[in-house]
Amino acid sequence: MQKTRKSQQSGGNPLRTRLLIAVGILAVAALLYIGRTIFSPNRQESTVERSESYNPVQSPLRADASLTFAGADGAGKSSVQVEVANDDASRTRGLMGRTSMSEDQGMLFIFEDTDVRSFWMVNTPLSLDIMFVGEDMSIVKIHQNTTPYSDASLESGAPAKYVVETNAGYCARHGIVEGDKIRFTMNGAK
């Protein structure tokens, strides 16, 4: 009798024990799969492979507007000719597939509303400086030297109505910092 009570106390229900072991094995397998997917050293490479199937854009950027960067004192620091992206299709495409851009070129994204924004570099072979600009035309956030083809989210951190993209290093070369302002003039009807 003593032996029977002891085996019931230590052994428990064999079906329940097997079920707990099966659930544990499934949980470990799921964690291993998720960890392998997230932390795979080939993750960036697979993003690049997928992105390289995107057709490169060979046409030069349009000069839709002239954009000037100005310091807090209002003095101009530099100017670029920008292609304007002001509808859903052109904002979604952005500089994806562009293989070159001259130093005095960029892209200006114009949104209908002011909101926290997030951009990424998927299908973008150029490293860029991305400047998020508030409704008052002040630069609220700069992401410098972005990683081509990256799917990392680059966030504005504050509400933005405009976004300016230039070649990587542009901000450092021209002393452009958060708090500086932009102003732009449309070159023609767009």
Foldseek 3Di string as FASTA:
>chain_A
DVVVVVCCVPVPDPVVVVVVVVVVVVVVVVVVVVCCQVVPPCNLVVLVVVLVVDAADDDAADQFKKKFWAAPVRDTQDIAREREAEDPVCVVCAQQRYPDYDQRYKYKYAYPDWDKDKDFQANPQFFKWKFFAAPVQFTQDIDARHDHSDPDIDISVGIGRMMMIGGGPSCVVRVNDGGIGMDMDGPDDD
